[in-house]
Amino acid sequence: MRTRILLIAACVLLAVFAYDGVVRLLLIGLVRLPKLPDELTLLTSILALFSLTHAWYSIGGRLTLVFFGLSAVISWAYEQVGVATGLIFGAYHYTDYLGPKLGNVPYLIPLAWFMMIYPSYVIANLVLGGHATGTRPGVSRLVHLAAVSAAVMTAWDLVVDPILSGPSARAWIWENGGPYFGIPIQNFFGWLLTTFTVYLAYRAIEQRVAPAGLGSLGTGAAGPLGASVAALPVAAYGLMLLSDLLSGVEPAGVAIVGPLVMGPPLALAAWRLAHSPASNRAGATAKAA
């Protein structure tokens, strides 16, 4: 019963995000659908809750709390130092667009990090080994998985940063500009460093404490999850890309960059899921029926 509630909650949260972040925007001009209040904050919170509930189902409560705690503390610390010194991401500061702050960093920011850190973790696992969760033993595997996870996550920043720091939102200000839509290249190295630190810390723990999700179905190419359940975080990553591109992208060049950088890991993860033994068994069952 508890497993079903978590999975239903994850599906409902993802459906709400898909409605307001993608479907409603696609239908603008055809039909006027109601939108969520305080849209950016609420959509970020909804997708963060999706990541939390899906992770709880997939890797268990203790590891989910560890993952979220490490993500929140490390991302806030790097951002706080970054704003104060300009040494990590480049010289920038947050405006009031994202709401109240803890120190120099909006409360919403650690939620936004975990919102995509978890789907990126699942995608990196699928891309490298076909397993949705878990980190197998070995230092080289640990570093490799952390690095690929960080790259998958940083690909999203190539899309979202120009939008939210652009002229329409101005959620943060780049004080000295930069060559990538006004963003310094240092920012993306900062993202790689931050996410690599989070993944390295979490995966080092996960190597010693194997995920014990409530939805465990045994081993398989999709890890301890059925392919359809493992597909949900992959869908969340893709929906975030669509949502960003449909949000009135400015600068317009991001509409070209987004599919180029987020499309390959998304497509490879989807291919892995489609060719997993769990997926093949489901297809064979359907044909037999």
C-alpha atoms as a PDB file:
ATOM      1  CA  MET A   1       0.000   0.000   0.000  1.00  0.00           C
ATOM      2  CA  ARG A   2       2.797   2.399   0.966  1.00  0.00           C
ATOM      3  CA  THR A   3       4.637   1.658  -2.288  1.00  0.00           C
ATOM      4  CA  ARG A   4       1.497   2.351  -4.300  1.00  0.00           C
ATOM      5  CA  ILE A   5       0.903   5.685  -2.566  1.00  0.00           C
ATOM      6  CA  LEU A   6       4.455   6.857  -3.285  1.00  0.00           C
ATOM      7  CA  LEU A   7       4.274   5.818  -6.923  1.00  0.00           C
ATOM      8  CA  ILE A   8       0.832   7.378  -7.400  1.00  0.00           C
ATOM      9  CA  ALA A   9       2.063  10.604  -5.778  1.00  0.00           C
ATOM     10  CA  ALA A  10       5.080  10.695  -8.105  1.00  0.00           C
ATOM     11  CA  CYS A  11       2.858  10.138 -11.160  1.00  0.00           C
ATOM     12  CA  VAL A  12       0.374  12.832 -10.098  1.00  0.00           C
ATOM     13  CA  LEU A  13       3.140  15.367  -9.418  1.00  0.00           C
ATOM     14  CA  LEU A  14       4.740  14.676 -12.796  1.00  0.00           C
ATOM     15  CA  ALA A  15       1.343  14.954 -14.512  1.00  0.00           C
ATOM     16  CA  VAL A  16       0.686  18.341 -12.886  1.00  0.00           C
ATOM     17  CA  PHE A  17       4.099  19.565 -14.024  1.00  0.00           C
ATOM     18  CA  ALA A  18       3.466  18.241 -17.544  1.00  0.00           C
ATOM     19  CA  TYR A  19       0.084  19.996 -17.655  1.00  0.00           C
ATOM     20  CA  ASP A  20       1.225  23.454 -16.579  1.00  0.00           C
ATOM     21  CA  GLY A  21       4.789  23.354 -17.864  1.00  0.00           C
ATOM     22  CA  VAL A  22       4.172  21.751 -21.253  1.00  0.00           C
ATOM     23  CA  VAL A  23       0.570  20.966 -22.291  1.00  0.00           C
ATOM     24  CA  ARG A  24      -0.895  24.342 -21.337  1.00  0.00           C
ATOM     25  CA  LEU A  25       1.892  26.138 -23.190  1.00  0.00           C
ATOM     26  CA  LEU A  26       1.484  23.965 -26.286  1.00  0.00           C
ATOM     27  CA  LEU A  27      -2.221  24.815 -26.443  1.00  0.00           C
ATOM     28  CA  ILE A  28      -1.834  28.584 -26.102  1.00  0.00           C
ATOM     29  CA  GLY A  29      -3.638  30.109 -29.056  1.00  0.00           C
ATOM     30  CA  LEU A  30      -6.005  27.146 -29.311  1.00  0.00           C
ATOM     31  CA  VAL A  31      -7.564  27.066 -25.864  1.00  0.00           C
ATOM     32  CA  ARG A  32      -7.066  29.110 -22.704  1.00  0.00           C
ATOM     33  CA  LEU A  33      -6.303  26.725 -19.848  1.00  0.00           C
ATOM     34  CA  PRO A  34      -5.929  27.820 -16.204  1.00  0.00           C
ATOM     35  CA  LYS A  35      -2.366  28.126 -14.960  1.00  0.00           C
ATOM     36  CA  LEU A  36      -0.863  27.566 -11.543  1.00  0.00           C
ATOM     37  CA  PRO A  37      -0.351  30.588  -9.267  1.00  0.00           C
ATOM     38  CA  ASP A  38       3.229  31.744  -8.585  1.00  0.00           C
ATOM     39  CA  GLU A  39       4.121  29.472 -11.462  1.00  0.00           C
ATOM     40  CA  LEU A  40       7.926  29.221 -11.305  1.00  0.00           C
ATOM     41  CA  THR A  41       8.058  28.590  -7.549  1.00  0.00           C
ATOM     42  CA  LEU A  42       5.202  26.091  -7.630  1.00  0.00           C
ATOM     43  CA  LEU A  43       6.470  24.167 -10.665  1.00  0.00           C
ATOM     44  CA  THR A  44       9.943  23.937  -9.125  1.00  0.00           C
ATOM     45  CA  SER A  45       8.454  22.680  -5.861  1.00  0.00           C
ATOM     46  CA  ILE A  46       6.239  20.169  -7.690  1.00  0.00           C
ATOM     47  CA  LEU A  47       9.117  18.667  -9.668  1.00  0.00           C
ATOM     48  CA  ALA A  48      11.321  18.623  -6.552  1.00  0.00           C
ATOM     49  CA  LEU A  49       8.572  16.720  -4.726  1.00  0.00           C
ATOM     50  CA  PHE A  50       8.347  14.343  -7.686  1.00  0.00           C
ATOM     51  CA  SER A  51      12.081  13.666  -7.372  1.00  0.00           C
ATOM     52  CA  LEU A  52      11.730  13.089  -3.626  1.00  0.00           C
ATOM     53  CA  THR A  53       8.765  10.715  -3.880  1.00  0.00           C
ATOM     54  CA  HIS A  54      10.211   8.769  -6.800  1.00  0.00           C
ATOM     55  CA  ALA A  55      13.580   8.495  -5.061  1.00  0.00           C
ATOM     56  CA  TRP A  56      11.871   7.309  -1.880  1.00  0.00           C
ATOM     57  CA  TYR A  57      10.132   4.601  -3.879  1.00  0.00           C
ATOM     58  CA  SER A  58      13.284   3.689  -5.814  1.00  0.00           C
ATOM     59  CA  ILE A  59      16.202   3.871  -3.362  1.00  0.00           C
ATOM     60  CA  GLY A  60      14.439   3.968   0.012  1.00  0.00           C
ATOM     61  CA  GLY A  61      13.796   6.664   2.601  1.00  0.00           C
ATOM     62  CA  ARG A  62      17.216   6.802   4.259  1.00  0.00           C
ATOM     63  CA  LEU A  63      19.182   7.169   1.041  1.00  0.00           C
ATOM     64  CA  THR A  64      16.670   9.698  -0.278  1.00  0.00           C
ATOM     65  CA  LEU A  65      17.132  11.875   2.806  1.00  0.00           C
ATOM     66  CA  VAL A  66      20.918  11.547   2.503  1.00  0.00           C
ATOM     67  CA  PHE A  67      20.796  12.409  -1.214  1.00  0.00           C
ATOM     68  CA  PHE A  68      18.525  15.402  -0.683  1.00  0.00           C
ATOM     69  CA  GLY A  69      20.481  16.615   2.349  1.00  0.00           C
ATOM     70  CA  LEU A  70      23.827  16.436   0.549  1.00  0.00           C
ATOM     71  CA  SER A  71      22.362  18.124  -2.518  1.00  0.00           C
ATOM     72  CA  ALA A  72      20.751  20.953  -0.529  1.00  0.00           C
ATOM     73  CA  VAL A  73      23.729  21.660   1.743  1.00  0.00           C
ATOM     74  CA  ILE A  74      26.444  21.379  -0.916  1.00  0.00           C
ATOM     75  CA  SER A  75      24.553  23.379  -3.557  1.00  0.00           C
ATOM     76  CA  TRP A  76      23.664  26.123  -1.063  1.00  0.00           C
ATOM     77  CA  ALA A  77      27.258  26.282   0.220  1.00  0.00           C
ATOM     78  CA  TYR A  78      28.765  26.510  -3.264  1.00  0.00           C
ATOM     79  CA  GLU A  79      26.204  29.138  -4.285  1.00  0.00           C
ATOM     80  CA  GLN A  80      26.737  31.167  -1.105  1.00  0.00           C
ATOM     81  CA  VAL A  81      30.507  31.172  -1.616  1.00  0.00           C
ATOM     82  CA  GLY A  82      29.986  31.835  -5.310  1.00  0.00           C
ATOM     83  CA  VAL A  83      27.832  34.912  -4.760  1.00  0.00           C
ATOM     84  CA  ALA A  84      30.124  36.234  -2.031  1.00  0.00           C
ATOM     85  CA  THR A  85      33.400  35.758  -3.905  1.00  0.00           C
ATOM     86  CA  GLY A  86      32.712  35.135  -7.602  1.00  0.00           C
ATOM     87  CA  LEU A  87      35.298  32.342  -7.459  1.00  0.00           C
ATOM     88  CA  ILE A  88      33.110  29.357  -8.378  1.00  0.00           C
ATOM     89  CA  PHE A  89      30.569  30.417 -10.991  1.00  0.00           C
ATOM     90  CA  GLY A  90      31.796  33.908 -11.823  1.00  0.00           C
ATOM     91  CA  ALA A  91      30.631  37.247 -10.468  1.00  0.00           C
ATOM     92  CA  TYR A  92      26.833  37.262 -10.031  1.00  0.00           C
ATOM     93  CA  HIS A  93      24.098  38.057  -7.542  1.00  0.00           C
ATOM     94  CA  TYR A  94      20.476  37.058  -7.113  1.00  0.00           C
ATOM     95  CA  THR A  95      17.647  39.534  -7.503  1.00  0.00           C
ATOM     96  CA  ASP A  96      14.338  39.202  -5.618  1.00  0.00           C
ATOM     97  CA  TYR A  97      12.741  37.278  -8.512  1.00  0.00           C
ATOM     98  CA  LEU A  98      13.075  33.875  -6.805  1.00  0.00           C
ATOM     99  CA  GLY A  99      11.818  35.045  -3.426  1.00  0.00           C
ATOM    100  CA  PRO A 100      13.304  35.042   0.102  1.00  0.00           C
ATOM    101  CA  LYS A 101      16.951  34.140   0.649  1.00  0.00           C
ATOM    102  CA  LEU A 102      19.067  32.255   3.127  1.00  0.00           C
ATOM    103  CA  GLY A 103      22.188  34.372   3.128  1.00  0.00           C
ATOM    104  CA  ASN A 104      22.639  35.455  -0.483  1.00  0.00           C
ATOM    105  CA  VAL A 105      20.853  32.442  -2.005  1.00  0.00           C
ATOM    106  CA  PRO A 106      17.073  32.048  -2.496  1.00  0.00           C
ATOM    107  CA  TYR A 107      15.476  29.168  -0.590  1.00  0.00           C
ATOM    108  CA  LEU A 108      14.158  27.889  -3.923  1.00  0.00           C
ATOM    109  CA  ILE A 109      17.638  27.218  -5.301  1.00  0.00           C
ATOM    110  CA  PRO A 110      18.507  24.049  -3.292  1.00  0.00           C
ATOM    111  CA  LEU A 111      15.092  22.647  -4.287  1.00  0.00           C
ATOM    112  CA  ALA A 112      15.843  23.425  -7.932  1.00  0.00           C
ATOM    113  CA  TRP A 113      19.173  21.615  -7.699  1.00  0.00           C
ATOM    114  CA  PHE A 114      17.636  18.396  -6.347  1.00  0.00           C
ATOM    115  CA  MET A 115      14.715  18.727  -8.772  1.00  0.00           C
ATOM    116  CA  MET A 116      17.135  17.853 -11.587  1.00  0.00           C
ATOM    117  CA  ILE A 117      19.978  16.150  -9.685  1.00  0.00           C
ATOM    118  CA  TYR A 118      17.839  13.056  -9.126  1.00  0.00           C
ATOM    119  CA  PRO A 119      16.586  12.623 -12.746  1.00  0.00           C
ATOM    120  CA  SER A 120      20.158  13.233 -13.951  1.00  0.00           C
ATOM    121  CA  TYR A 121      21.382  10.514 -11.562  1.00  0.00           C
ATOM    122  CA  VAL A 122      18.906   8.025 -13.064  1.00  0.00           C
ATOM    123  CA  ILE A 123      19.798   9.002 -16.639  1.00  0.00           C
ATOM    124  CA  ALA A 124      23.558   8.680 -15.998  1.00  0.00           C
ATOM    125  CA  ASN A 125      23.009   5.234 -14.473  1.00  0.00           C
ATOM    126  CA  LEU A 126      21.001   4.119 -17.489  1.00  0.00           C
ATOM    127  CA  VAL A 127      23.466   5.582 -19.990  1.00  0.00           C
ATOM    128  CA  LEU A 128      26.520   3.935 -18.427  1.00  0.00           C
ATOM    129  CA  GLY A 129      25.180   0.616 -17.221  1.00  0.00           C
ATOM    130  CA  GLY A 130      21.498   0.210 -17.948  1.00  0.00           C
ATOM    131  CA  HIS A 131      20.689   0.262 -14.222  1.00  0.00           C
ATOM    132  CA  ALA A 132      18.404   3.051 -13.016  1.00  0.00           C
ATOM    133  CA  THR A 133      19.711   3.122  -9.446  1.00  0.00           C
ATOM    134  CA  GLY A 134      22.749   2.102  -7.450  1.00  0.00           C
ATOM    135  CA  THR A 135      26.504   2.584  -7.654  1.00  0.00           C
ATOM    136  CA  ARG A 136      28.598  -0.526  -8.115  1.00  0.00           C
ATOM    137  CA  PRO A 137      31.883  -0.967  -6.196  1.00  0.00           C
ATOM    138  CA  GLY A 138      35.166   0.528  -7.359  1.00  0.00           C
ATOM    139  CA  VAL A 139      36.796   3.947  -7.207  1.00  0.00           C
ATOM    140  CA  SER A 140      37.024   4.363 -10.976  1.00  0.00           C
ATOM    141  CA  ARG A 141      33.338   3.478 -11.395  1.00  0.00           C
ATOM    142  CA  LEU A 142      32.436   5.914  -8.609  1.00  0.00           C
ATOM    143  CA  VAL A 143      34.331   8.791 -10.235  1.00  0.00           C
ATOM    144  CA  HIS A 144      33.078   7.920 -13.726  1.00  0.00           C
ATOM    145  CA  LEU A 145      29.428   7.817 -12.638  1.00  0.00           C
ATOM    146  CA  ALA A 146      29.775  11.066 -10.668  1.00  0.00           C
ATOM    147  CA  ALA A 147      31.379  12.802 -13.655  1.00  0.00           C
ATOM    148  CA  VAL A 148      28.760  11.643 -16.178  1.00  0.00           C
ATOM    149  CA  SER A 149      25.942  12.522 -13.767  1.00  0.00           C
ATOM    150  CA  ALA A 150      27.446  16.016 -13.399  1.00  0.00           C
ATOM    151  CA  ALA A 151      27.649  16.420 -17.181  1.00  0.00           C
ATOM    152  CA  VAL A 152      24.001  15.356 -17.639  1.00  0.00           C
ATOM    153  CA  MET A 153      22.943  17.863 -14.981  1.00  0.00           C
ATOM    154  CA  THR A 154      25.119  20.688 -16.348  1.00  0.00           C
ATOM    155  CA  ALA A 155      23.592  20.213 -19.801  1.00  0.00           C
ATOM    156  CA  TRP A 156      20.344  21.533 -18.303  1.00  0.00           C
ATOM    157  CA  ASP A 157      22.096  24.691 -17.096  1.00  0.00           C
ATOM    158  CA  LEU A 158      23.090  25.474 -20.678  1.00  0.00           C
ATOM    159  CA  VAL A 159      19.343  25.817 -21.258  1.00  0.00           C
ATOM    160  CA  VAL A 160      17.913  27.294 -18.071  1.00  0.00           C
ATOM    161  CA  ASP A 161      20.641  29.792 -17.164  1.00  0.00           C
ATOM    162  CA  PRO A 162      20.254  31.983 -20.271  1.00  0.00           C
ATOM    163  CA  ILE A 163      16.472  32.038 -19.735  1.00  0.00           C
ATOM    164  CA  LEU A 164      16.393  32.916 -16.034  1.00  0.00           C
ATOM    165  CA  SER A 165      19.302  35.347 -16.195  1.00  0.00           C
ATOM    166  CA  GLY A 166      18.024  36.783 -19.479  1.00  0.00           C
ATOM    167  CA  PRO A 167      16.072  40.000 -20.038  1.00  0.00           C
ATOM    168  CA  SER A 168      12.646  38.456 -19.339  1.00  0.00           C
ATOM    169  CA  ALA A 169      13.358  37.077 -15.859  1.00  0.00           C
ATOM    170  CA  ARG A 170      16.582  38.579 -14.486  1.00  0.00           C
ATOM    171  CA  ALA A 171      16.484  36.086 -11.598  1.00  0.00           C
ATOM    172  CA  TRP A 172      20.212  36.666 -11.218  1.00  0.00           C
ATOM    173  CA  ILE A 173      22.632  39.169 -12.718  1.00  0.00           C
ATOM    174  CA  TRP A 174      25.989  38.359 -14.278  1.00  0.00           C
ATOM    175  CA  GLU A 175      28.038  41.359 -13.285  1.00  0.00           C
ATOM    176  CA  ASN A 176      30.707  41.061 -15.994  1.00  0.00           C
ATOM    177  CA  GLY A 177      28.731  39.232 -18.666  1.00  0.00           C
ATOM    178  CA  GLY A 178      30.245  36.434 -20.712  1.00  0.00           C
ATOM    179  CA  PRO A 179      30.454  34.840 -24.181  1.00  0.00           C
ATOM    180  CA  TYR A 180      27.538  32.383 -23.788  1.00  0.00           C
ATOM    181  CA  PHE A 181      24.385  34.513 -23.963  1.00  0.00           C
ATOM    182  CA  GLY A 182      26.000  36.906 -21.480  1.00  0.00           C
ATOM    183  CA  ILE A 183      27.128  34.088 -19.154  1.00  0.00           C
ATOM    184  CA  PRO A 184      30.788  33.419 -18.254  1.00  0.00           C
ATOM    185  CA  ILE A 185      32.147  29.996 -19.210  1.00  0.00           C
ATOM    186  CA  GLN A 186      33.362  29.697 -15.615  1.00  0.00           C
ATOM    187  CA  ASN A 187      29.734  29.213 -14.577  1.00  0.00           C
ATOM    188  CA  PHE A 188      29.519  25.835 -16.281  1.00  0.00           C
ATOM    189  CA  PHE A 189      32.751  24.629 -14.692  1.00  0.00           C
ATOM    190  CA  GLY A 190      31.188  25.719 -11.389  1.00  0.00           C
ATOM    191  CA  TRP A 191      28.115  23.629 -12.157  1.00  0.00           C
ATOM    192  CA  LEU A 192      30.278  20.627 -13.009  1.00  0.00           C
ATOM    193  CA  LEU A 193      32.219  21.063  -9.760  1.00  0.00           C
ATOM    194  CA  THR A 194      29.084  21.462  -7.625  1.00  0.00           C
ATOM    195  CA  THR A 195      27.191  18.539  -9.085  1.00  0.00           C
ATOM    196  CA  PHE A 196      30.292  16.321  -9.184  1.00  0.00           C
ATOM    197  CA  THR A 197      30.778  16.992  -5.454  1.00  0.00           C
ATOM    198  CA  VAL A 198      27.150  16.086  -4.694  1.00  0.00           C
ATOM    199  CA  TYR A 199      27.229  12.910  -6.763  1.00  0.00           C
ATOM    200  CA  LEU A 200      30.643  11.824  -5.478  1.00  0.00           C
ATOM    201  CA  ALA A 201      29.550  12.258  -1.855  1.00  0.00           C
ATOM    202  CA  TYR A 202      26.218  10.511  -2.347  1.00  0.00           C
ATOM    203  CA  ARG A 203      27.479   7.691  -4.546  1.00  0.00           C
ATOM    204  CA  ALA A 204      30.332   6.943  -2.115  1.00  0.00           C
ATOM    205  CA  ILE A 205      27.655   6.297   0.515  1.00  0.00           C
ATOM    206  CA  GLU A 206      25.447   4.405  -1.929  1.00  0.00           C
ATOM    207  CA  GLN A 207      28.313   2.017  -2.722  1.00  0.00           C
ATOM    208  CA  ARG A 208      28.246   0.936   0.919  1.00  0.00           C
ATOM    209  CA  VAL A 209      24.479   1.046   1.451  1.00  0.00           C
ATOM    210  CA  ALA A 210      22.758  -0.560  -1.528  1.00  0.00           C
ATOM    211  CA  PRO A 211      19.450   1.060  -2.523  1.00  0.00           C
ATOM    212  CA  ALA A 212      16.495  -0.721  -0.960  1.00  0.00           C
ATOM    213  CA  GLY A 213      13.538   0.948  -2.606  1.00  0.00           C
ATOM    214  CA  LEU A 214      10.005   0.011  -1.739  1.00  0.00           C
ATOM    215  CA  GLY A 215       9.386  -0.844  -5.374  1.00  0.00           C
ATOM    216  CA  SER A 216      12.238  -3.348  -5.689  1.00  0.00           C
ATOM    217  CA  LEU A 217      11.487  -5.952  -8.334  1.00  0.00           C
ATOM    218  CA  GLY A 218      14.844  -7.689  -8.387  1.00  0.00           C
ATOM    219  CA  THR A 219      17.706  -7.147 -10.800  1.00  0.00           C
ATOM    220  CA  GLY A 220      17.488  -6.245 -14.462  1.00  0.00           C
ATOM    221  CA  ALA A 221      18.704  -3.697 -16.985  1.00  0.00           C
ATOM    222  CA  ALA A 222      16.598  -1.024 -15.386  1.00  0.00           C
ATOM    223  CA  GLY A 223      18.145  -1.743 -11.983  1.00  0.00           C
ATOM    224  CA  PRO A 224      15.786  -2.710  -9.168  1.00  0.00           C
ATOM    225  CA  LEU A 225      12.927  -0.910 -10.914  1.00  0.00           C
ATOM    226  CA  GLY A 226      10.577  -1.935 -13.657  1.00  0.00           C
ATOM    227  CA  ALA A 227      11.308  -0.099 -16.909  1.00  0.00           C
ATOM    228  CA  SER A 228       8.064   1.905 -16.758  1.00  0.00           C
ATOM    229  CA  VAL A 229       8.860   3.206 -13.261  1.00  0.00           C
ATOM    230  CA  ALA A 230      12.466   3.968 -14.175  1.00  0.00           C
ATOM    231  CA  ALA A 231      11.163   5.908 -17.187  1.00  0.00           C
ATOM    232  CA  LEU A 232       9.463   8.544 -14.994  1.00  0.00           C
ATOM    233  CA  PRO A 233      12.632  10.506 -14.060  1.00  0.00           C
ATOM    234  CA  VAL A 234      13.759  10.257 -17.690  1.00  0.00           C
ATOM    235  CA  ALA A 235      10.417  11.777 -18.687  1.00  0.00           C
ATOM    236  CA  ALA A 236      10.866  14.502 -16.048  1.00  0.00           C
ATOM    237  CA  TYR A 237      14.213  15.484 -17.606  1.00  0.00           C
ATOM    238  CA  GLY A 238      12.604  15.666 -21.046  1.00  0.00           C
ATOM    239  CA  LEU A 239       9.572  17.593 -19.769  1.00  0.00           C
ATOM    240  CA  MET A 240      11.864  20.144 -18.141  1.00  0.00           C
ATOM    241  CA  LEU A 241      13.594  20.657 -21.488  1.00  0.00           C
ATOM    242  CA  LEU A 242      10.230  21.141 -23.224  1.00  0.00           C
ATOM    243  CA  SER A 243       8.991  23.451 -20.477  1.00  0.00           C
ATOM    244  CA  ASP A 244      12.078  25.641 -20.772  1.00  0.00           C
ATOM    245  CA  LEU A 245      11.809  25.797 -24.556  1.00  0.00           C
ATOM    246  CA  LEU A 246       8.084  26.614 -24.474  1.00  0.00           C
ATOM    247  CA  SER A 247       8.390  29.305 -21.818  1.00  0.00           C
ATOM    248  CA  GLY A 248       8.952  32.066 -24.366  1.00  0.00           C
ATOM    249  CA  VAL A 249      12.641  31.333 -24.816  1.00  0.00           C
ATOM    250  CA  GLU A 250      14.782  34.418 -24.746  1.00  0.00           C
ATOM    251  CA  PRO A 251      17.465  34.354 -26.077  1.00  0.00           C
ATOM    252  CA  ALA A 252      16.053  32.360 -28.995  1.00  0.00           C
ATOM    253  CA  GLY A 253      19.320  30.511 -29.639  1.00  0.00           C
ATOM    254  CA  VAL A 254      18.663  28.372 -26.555  1.00  0.00           C
ATOM    255  CA  ALA A 255      15.963  26.589 -28.564  1.00  0.00           C
ATOM    256  CA  ILE A 256      18.769  25.145 -30.712  1.00  0.00           C
ATOM    257  CA  VAL A 257      21.217  24.450 -27.885  1.00  0.00           C
ATOM    258  CA  GLY A 258      18.679  22.666 -25.648  1.00  0.00           C
ATOM    259  CA  PRO A 259      17.949  19.618 -27.836  1.00  0.00           C
ATOM    260  CA  LEU A 260      21.633  19.337 -28.793  1.00  0.00           C
ATOM    261  CA  VAL A 261      22.922  19.084 -25.211  1.00  0.00           C
ATOM    262  CA  MET A 262      19.998  17.442 -23.371  1.00  0.00           C
ATOM    263  CA  GLY A 263      18.745  15.310 -26.256  1.00  0.00           C
ATOM    264  CA  PRO A 264      21.597  12.738 -26.456  1.00  0.00           C
ATOM    265  CA  PRO A 265      21.555  11.543 -22.809  1.00  0.00           C
ATOM    266  CA  LEU A 266      17.762  11.610 -22.879  1.00  0.00           C
ATOM    267  CA  ALA A 267      17.613   9.526 -26.058  1.00  0.00           C
ATOM    268  CA  LEU A 268      20.236   7.025 -24.880  1.00  0.00           C
ATOM    269  CA  ALA A 269      18.505   6.549 -21.514  1.00  0.00           C
ATOM    270  CA  ALA A 270      15.183   6.013 -23.301  1.00  0.00           C
ATOM    271  CA  TRP A 271      16.823   3.503 -25.660  1.00  0.00           C
ATOM    272  CA  ARG A 272      18.292   1.612 -22.695  1.00  0.00           C
ATOM    273  CA  LEU A 273      14.859   1.423 -21.084  1.00  0.00           C
ATOM    274  CA  ALA A 274      13.164   0.313 -24.294  1.00  0.00           C
ATOM    275  CA  HIS A 275      15.676  -2.540 -24.663  1.00  0.00           C
ATOM    276  CA  SER A 276      15.770  -3.602 -21.019  1.00  0.00           C
ATOM    277  CA  PRO A 277      14.767  -7.186 -20.168  1.00  0.00           C
ATOM    278  CA  ALA A 278      11.868  -5.856 -18.074  1.00  0.00           C
ATOM    279  CA  SER A 279      10.560  -3.931 -21.068  1.00  0.00           C
ATOM    280  CA  ASN A 280      11.011  -6.912 -23.374  1.00  0.00           C
ATOM    281  CA  ARG A 281       9.171  -9.186 -20.942  1.00  0.00           C
ATOM    282  CA  ALA A 282       6.282  -6.691 -20.818  1.00  0.00           C
ATOM    283  CA  GLY A 283       6.171  -6.578 -24.621  1.00  0.00           C
ATOM    284  CA  ALA A 284       6.195 -10.355 -24.896  1.00  0.00           C
ATOM    285  CA  THR A 285       3.381 -10.622 -22.368  1.00  0.00           C
ATOM    286  CA  ALA A 286       1.323  -8.084 -24.296  1.00  0.00           C
ATOM    287  CA  LYS A 287       1.831 -10.014 -27.565  1.00  0.00           C
ATOM    288  CA  ALA A 288       0.888 -13.287 -25.921  1.00  0.00           C
ATOM    289  CA  ALA A 289      -2.295 -11.712 -24.573  1.00  0.00           C
END
